[in-house]
Amino acid sequence: MQRLLILILTLLTSICVSAQVNIWEGTSRDVEVELIPYPVEGQDNAGIVICPGGSYFWHDMEAEGHDVARWLQQNGIAAFVLRYRTAQTPAFITRYRYLFRGVRYPDPQDDLLQALRYVRTHAADYGVNPEQVGAMGFSAGGHLVMSGAELFSVADRPAFVAPVYPVVTFTQDFTHKRSRRALLGDGRKHSRVLCDSLSLECHVPADCPPVFLVNCKDDPVVDYRNSELLDSALTARHVAHRYIQYETGGHGFGASDKKGTAESRQWRASFLDWLHEICPKDLRLVSKNN
């Protein structure tokens, strides 16, 4: 009977999705960027904008997008999956951006900024506390949300950020070169100014919002030292944060129940514990659900 109730609850929450919105509609920007809300009942809920990974070329919309949103929703947290602009596969294959602009920095950052503003402006519609709208990102999406915490104005920054196995540096010998190329563009990927300005370990502000950082030592895609660099920078600036490094789990597991390892999948419960600690007690954070 208990399993049946859990199954019914899972099915109900999986279809509890509001209509997607174009965050740039009604503005002067002639672009379409999709935001998919996963609302929860009640008011004054925490809200999280989710940025899936994909090397700034594409998106993992399932394990790092919709799976994450459903998990958060089941735990009383309103989630918003952002399909921010990426360079996409043709740019990866042809390198046409040597000749044409294409999608590049600051397009993804602009999209995150607009998504945060959209959620805060429509907070009452989604039952969200506008002062508790955070951002969670994976891999390149982790770089995106952390860049928002560092580079946006204080009023526009996420209230908290959760970079999961993030890309961090664009200057070290263990840089994730595919993400750097995608974000900066083929003709700018070796720009010292841009590489320095978007290396997250160099720009942590003293008033950075709280950070939940997690990665795995055996990550075969984004070198584990990226997260260690960020942890050191956060520590040096005395920023409130929690850093968890697992021995196993690899990369790209998101909120999947199958990807990664039993060890790495513990990050979800740890994140909920952390969020309970940093959010006001009146926020509707319900029982932890791995």
Protein backbone atom coordinates (compact mmCIF):
# COMPACT_ATOMS: atom_id res chain seq x y z
CA MET A 1 0.00 0.00 0.00
CA GLN A 2 2.81 2.38 0.89
CA ARG A 3 4.55 1.71 -2.42
CA LEU A 4 1.28 2.38 -4.26
CA LEU A 5 0.88 5.73 -2.51
CA ILE A 6 4.46 6.68 -3.36
CA LEU A 7 3.86 5.72 -6.99
CA ILE A 8 0.68 7.81 -7.16
CA LEU A 9 2.44 10.78 -5.56
CA THR A 10 5.31 10.49 -8.03
CA LEU A 11 2.92 10.37 -10.99
CA LEU A 12 0.98 13.36 -9.74
CA THR A 13 4.03 15.49 -9.14
CA SER A 14 5.60 14.48 -12.44
CA ILE A 15 2.68 15.99 -14.34
CA CYS A 16 2.38 19.04 -12.08
CA VAL A 17 4.12 21.37 -14.50
CA SER A 18 2.96 24.85 -15.45
CA ALA A 19 3.00 25.95 -19.05
CA GLN A 20 6.46 26.92 -20.24
CA VAL A 21 7.15 30.59 -20.69
CA ASN A 22 9.46 32.66 -22.87
CA ILE A 23 11.37 34.79 -20.39
CA TRP A 24 12.15 37.42 -23.03
CA GLU A 25 8.57 37.88 -24.20
CA GLY A 26 7.48 41.50 -23.96
CA THR A 27 11.05 42.80 -23.90
CA SER A 28 13.22 44.35 -26.58
CA ARG A 29 15.16 41.08 -27.02
CA ASP A 30 14.03 39.20 -30.12
CA VAL A 31 14.90 35.76 -28.76
CA GLU A 32 12.99 32.85 -27.27
CA VAL A 33 14.33 31.24 -24.12
CA GLU A 34 12.19 28.62 -22.45
CA LEU A 35 11.56 28.38 -18.72
CA ILE A 36 9.56 25.38 -17.48
CA PRO A 37 8.04 25.88 -14.01
CA TYR A 38 7.44 23.04 -11.57
CA PRO A 39 5.29 24.78 -8.94
CA VAL A 40 4.30 23.58 -5.49
CA GLU A 41 1.30 24.36 -3.33
CA GLY A 42 1.17 27.14 -0.76
CA GLN A 43 3.09 30.40 -0.42
CA ASP A 44 6.57 31.50 0.67
CA ASN A 45 8.25 28.47 -0.86
CA ALA A 46 11.89 28.46 -1.83
CA GLY A 47 12.40 28.59 -5.60
CA ILE A 48 15.32 27.32 -7.67
CA VAL A 49 16.23 28.06 -11.28
CA ILE A 50 17.86 24.94 -12.72
CA CYS A 51 20.58 25.18 -15.38
CA PRO A 52 21.33 21.80 -16.99
CA GLY A 53 24.83 21.07 -18.18
CA GLY A 54 26.08 20.34 -21.67
CA SER A 55 29.41 22.16 -22.15
CA TYR A 56 27.58 25.37 -23.15
CA PHE A 57 26.91 23.57 -26.46
CA TRP A 58 23.71 21.70 -25.59
CA HIS A 59 21.62 20.62 -22.56
CA ASP A 60 21.05 17.46 -20.56
CA MET A 61 17.39 18.27 -20.04
CA GLU A 62 16.50 15.00 -18.31
CA ALA A 63 18.96 13.96 -15.57
CA GLU A 64 20.12 17.53 -14.99
CA GLY A 65 16.85 19.28 -15.78
CA HIS A 66 13.45 17.66 -15.41
CA ASP A 67 14.63 14.93 -13.01
CA VAL A 68 16.06 17.62 -10.76
CA ALA A 69 12.89 19.70 -10.97
CA ARG A 70 10.64 16.78 -10.06
CA TRP A 71 12.83 15.87 -7.10
CA LEU A 72 12.78 19.44 -5.79
CA GLN A 73 9.05 19.71 -6.38
CA GLN A 74 8.44 16.55 -4.39
CA ASN A 75 10.29 18.21 -1.52
CA GLY A 76 8.21 21.38 -1.49
CA ILE A 77 10.62 23.51 -3.52
CA ALA A 78 9.38 25.30 -6.63
CA ALA A 79 11.68 24.55 -9.56
CA PHE A 80 12.19 26.28 -12.89
CA VAL A 81 14.16 24.53 -15.64
CA LEU A 82 15.96 27.05 -17.85
CA ARG A 83 16.83 26.17 -21.42
CA TYR A 84 19.38 28.96 -21.67
CA ARG A 85 20.98 29.74 -25.01
CA THR A 86 23.88 27.49 -26.04
CA ALA A 87 26.17 27.35 -29.06
CA GLN A 88 24.51 24.07 -30.20
CA THR A 89 25.80 21.17 -32.30
CA PRO A 90 26.37 23.00 -35.65
CA ALA A 91 28.80 25.35 -33.90
CA PHE A 92 30.56 22.36 -32.35
CA ILE A 93 30.97 20.62 -35.71
CA THR A 94 31.63 23.45 -38.15
CA ARG A 95 33.28 26.22 -36.11
CA TYR A 96 31.24 28.74 -38.09
CA ARG A 97 31.59 31.22 -35.25
CA TYR A 98 34.96 32.21 -36.60
CA LEU A 99 32.87 34.08 -39.20
CA PHE A 100 29.54 34.72 -37.47
CA ARG A 101 28.74 35.61 -33.90
CA GLY A 102 26.38 32.77 -33.05
CA VAL A 103 25.53 32.21 -29.39
CA ARG A 104 28.32 33.10 -26.99
CA TYR A 105 29.04 35.00 -23.77
CA PRO A 106 27.16 36.81 -22.30
CA ASP A 107 24.04 35.19 -23.79
CA PRO A 108 23.68 32.36 -21.21
CA GLN A 109 24.41 34.76 -18.34
CA ASP A 110 21.82 37.20 -19.68
CA ASP A 111 19.29 34.37 -19.78
CA LEU A 112 19.95 33.36 -16.18
CA LEU A 113 19.67 36.99 -15.09
CA GLN A 114 16.34 37.35 -16.88
CA ALA A 115 15.06 34.04 -15.49
CA LEU A 116 15.81 35.15 -11.93
CA ARG A 117 14.07 38.45 -12.55
CA TYR A 118 11.09 36.66 -14.10
CA VAL A 119 10.65 34.28 -11.16
CA ARG A 120 10.93 37.10 -8.65
CA THR A 121 8.48 39.29 -10.56
CA HIS A 122 5.97 36.42 -10.76
CA ALA A 123 6.77 34.99 -7.33
CA ALA A 124 3.18 35.34 -6.08
CA ASP A 125 1.91 33.36 -9.08
CA TYR A 126 4.16 30.44 -8.18
CA GLY A 127 3.90 30.67 -4.38
CA VAL A 128 7.57 31.59 -4.10
CA ASN A 129 9.29 33.87 -1.62
CA PRO A 130 11.06 36.38 -3.92
CA GLU A 131 13.90 36.69 -1.43
CA GLN A 132 14.61 32.96 -1.55
CA VAL A 133 15.11 32.34 -5.26
CA GLY A 134 18.33 30.42 -5.80
CA ALA A 135 20.03 28.71 -8.73
CA MET A 136 21.36 25.20 -9.25
CA GLY A 137 23.54 24.16 -12.16
CA PHE A 138 25.40 21.13 -13.40
CA SER A 139 28.78 21.05 -15.16
CA ALA A 140 28.71 24.08 -17.51
CA GLY A 141 25.41 24.98 -15.86
CA GLY A 142 27.33 25.02 -12.58
CA HIS A 143 29.70 27.56 -14.09
CA LEU A 144 26.68 29.58 -15.21
CA VAL A 145 24.97 29.78 -11.81
CA MET A 146 28.23 30.52 -10.01
CA SER A 147 29.04 33.28 -12.49
CA GLY A 148 25.65 34.77 -11.61
CA ALA A 149 26.54 34.70 -7.93
CA GLU A 150 29.81 36.48 -8.65
CA LEU A 151 29.09 38.85 -11.53
CA PHE A 152 25.47 39.98 -11.14
CA SER A 153 24.57 43.00 -9.07
CA VAL A 154 23.73 42.31 -5.43
CA ALA A 155 20.01 42.85 -6.15
CA ASP A 156 20.06 40.38 -9.05
CA ARG A 157 22.19 37.59 -7.63
CA PRO A 158 20.60 34.27 -6.70
CA ALA A 159 19.84 34.01 -2.97
CA PHE A 160 21.95 30.83 -2.90
CA VAL A 161 23.71 28.70 -5.50
CA ALA A 162 24.40 25.00 -5.93
CA PRO A 163 27.07 24.25 -8.55
CA VAL A 164 27.24 20.48 -9.01
CA TYR A 165 30.48 19.10 -10.58
CA PRO A 166 30.96 22.57 -12.10
CA VAL A 167 33.31 23.93 -14.71
CA VAL A 168 35.24 26.62 -12.81
CA THR A 169 38.46 27.79 -14.43
CA PHE A 170 39.31 28.92 -17.96
CA THR A 171 43.02 29.48 -17.33
CA GLN A 172 44.45 26.36 -15.68
CA ASP A 173 45.89 23.38 -17.52
CA PHE A 174 42.88 21.32 -16.42
CA THR A 175 40.36 23.74 -17.98
CA HIS A 176 37.36 22.09 -19.59
CA LYS A 177 38.24 23.34 -23.06
CA ARG A 178 34.96 22.42 -24.74
CA SER A 179 32.98 24.61 -22.34
CA ARG A 180 35.45 27.46 -22.74
CA ARG A 181 35.25 27.29 -26.53
CA ALA A 182 31.45 27.12 -26.50
CA LEU A 183 30.98 30.05 -24.14
CA LEU A 184 33.63 32.38 -25.54
CA GLY A 185 33.36 31.50 -29.23
CA ASP A 186 35.98 30.10 -31.58
CA GLY A 187 37.66 33.42 -32.19
CA ARG A 188 37.77 34.43 -28.51
CA LYS A 189 38.49 31.20 -26.68
CA HIS A 190 42.08 32.24 -25.96
CA SER A 191 41.29 35.84 -25.02
CA ARG A 192 43.22 36.45 -21.81
CA VAL A 193 40.77 39.10 -20.67
CA LEU A 194 37.72 36.86 -21.15
CA CYS A 195 39.39 33.75 -19.74
CA ASP A 196 40.46 35.65 -16.65
CA SER A 197 37.11 37.38 -16.19
CA LEU A 198 35.18 34.10 -16.38
CA SER A 199 37.50 32.00 -14.22
CA LEU A 200 35.32 31.72 -11.14
CA GLU A 201 38.14 31.17 -8.67
CA CYS A 202 39.35 34.72 -9.36
CA HIS A 203 36.19 36.70 -8.71
CA VAL A 204 34.49 35.47 -5.54
CA PRO A 205 33.03 38.54 -3.80
CA ALA A 206 33.13 38.82 -0.02
CA ASP A 207 29.34 39.15 -0.05
CA CYS A 208 28.81 36.11 -2.26
CA PRO A 209 25.55 34.26 -1.51
CA PRO A 210 25.80 30.86 0.23
CA VAL A 211 27.18 28.06 -1.93
CA PHE A 212 26.57 24.31 -1.96
CA LEU A 213 29.38 22.70 -3.98
CA VAL A 214 29.72 19.03 -4.82
CA ASN A 215 31.79 16.90 -7.18
CA CYS A 216 33.46 13.49 -7.50
CA LYS A 217 37.15 12.66 -7.45
CA ASP A 218 36.73 10.23 -10.35
CA ASP A 219 35.01 12.73 -12.67
CA PRO A 220 36.28 11.87 -16.17
CA VAL A 221 34.84 14.99 -17.85
CA VAL A 222 35.43 18.02 -15.63
CA ASP A 223 38.64 17.63 -13.65
CA TYR A 224 37.92 17.45 -9.91
CA ARG A 225 40.43 20.23 -9.28
CA ASN A 226 37.92 22.73 -10.69
CA SER A 227 35.78 22.35 -7.59
CA GLU A 228 38.79 22.35 -5.29
CA LEU A 229 39.84 25.70 -6.77
CA LEU A 230 36.41 27.14 -6.10
CA ASP A 231 36.31 25.74 -2.58
CA SER A 232 39.68 27.35 -1.83
CA ALA A 233 38.52 30.69 -3.22
CA LEU A 234 35.30 30.60 -1.20
CA THR A 235 37.24 29.72 1.93
CA ALA A 236 39.76 32.52 1.37
CA ARG A 237 36.92 35.04 1.03
CA HIS A 238 35.13 33.64 4.11
CA VAL A 239 32.00 32.84 2.10
CA ALA A 240 29.47 30.56 3.78
CA HIS A 241 29.53 27.33 1.83
CA ARG A 242 29.49 23.57 2.03
CA TYR A 243 31.83 21.52 -0.12
CA ILE A 244 31.38 17.76 -0.52
CA GLN A 245 33.75 15.69 -2.62
CA TYR A 246 32.84 12.06 -3.25
CA GLU A 247 35.35 9.44 -4.27
CA THR A 248 33.03 7.88 -6.86
CA GLY A 249 30.17 8.99 -9.05
CA GLY A 250 31.78 10.37 -12.17
CA HIS A 251 29.93 13.07 -14.06
CA GLY A 252 26.46 13.80 -15.33
CA PHE A 253 24.38 11.96 -12.74
CA GLY A 254 22.17 14.93 -11.89
CA ALA A 255 19.16 13.73 -9.93
CA SER A 256 19.01 10.37 -11.68
CA ASP A 257 18.35 7.28 -9.57
CA LYS A 258 20.47 5.20 -11.96
CA LYS A 259 23.45 7.34 -12.97
CA GLY A 260 26.43 7.88 -10.73
CA THR A 261 26.92 5.73 -7.64
CA ALA A 262 25.12 5.19 -4.36
CA GLU A 263 27.77 7.42 -2.81
CA SER A 264 27.31 10.34 -5.20
CA ARG A 265 23.52 10.15 -5.08
CA GLN A 266 23.73 11.17 -1.42
CA TRP A 267 24.23 14.76 -2.57
CA ARG A 268 20.48 15.28 -2.81
CA ALA A 269 19.79 14.59 0.85
CA SER A 270 22.83 16.68 1.81
CA PHE A 271 21.59 19.58 -0.27
CA LEU A 272 18.16 19.49 1.39
CA ASP A 273 19.82 19.45 4.82
CA TRP A 274 21.88 22.47 3.83
CA LEU A 275 18.89 24.33 2.42
CA HIS A 276 16.96 23.76 5.64
CA GLU A 277 19.87 25.37 7.49
CA ILE A 278 20.17 28.51 5.38
CA CYS A 279 16.48 29.22 4.66
CA PRO A 280 14.13 30.84 7.17
CA LYS A 281 12.12 28.36 9.18
CA ASP A 282 8.83 29.57 7.72
CA LEU A 283 9.74 28.39 4.24
CA ARG A 284 7.85 25.28 3.19
CA LEU A 285 10.65 22.76 3.02
CA VAL A 286 9.14 19.34 3.59
CA SER A 287 10.63 15.98 4.44
CA LYS A 288 13.77 14.95 2.63
CA ASN A 289 13.28 12.68 -0.35
CA ASN A 290 16.35 11.22 -2.00
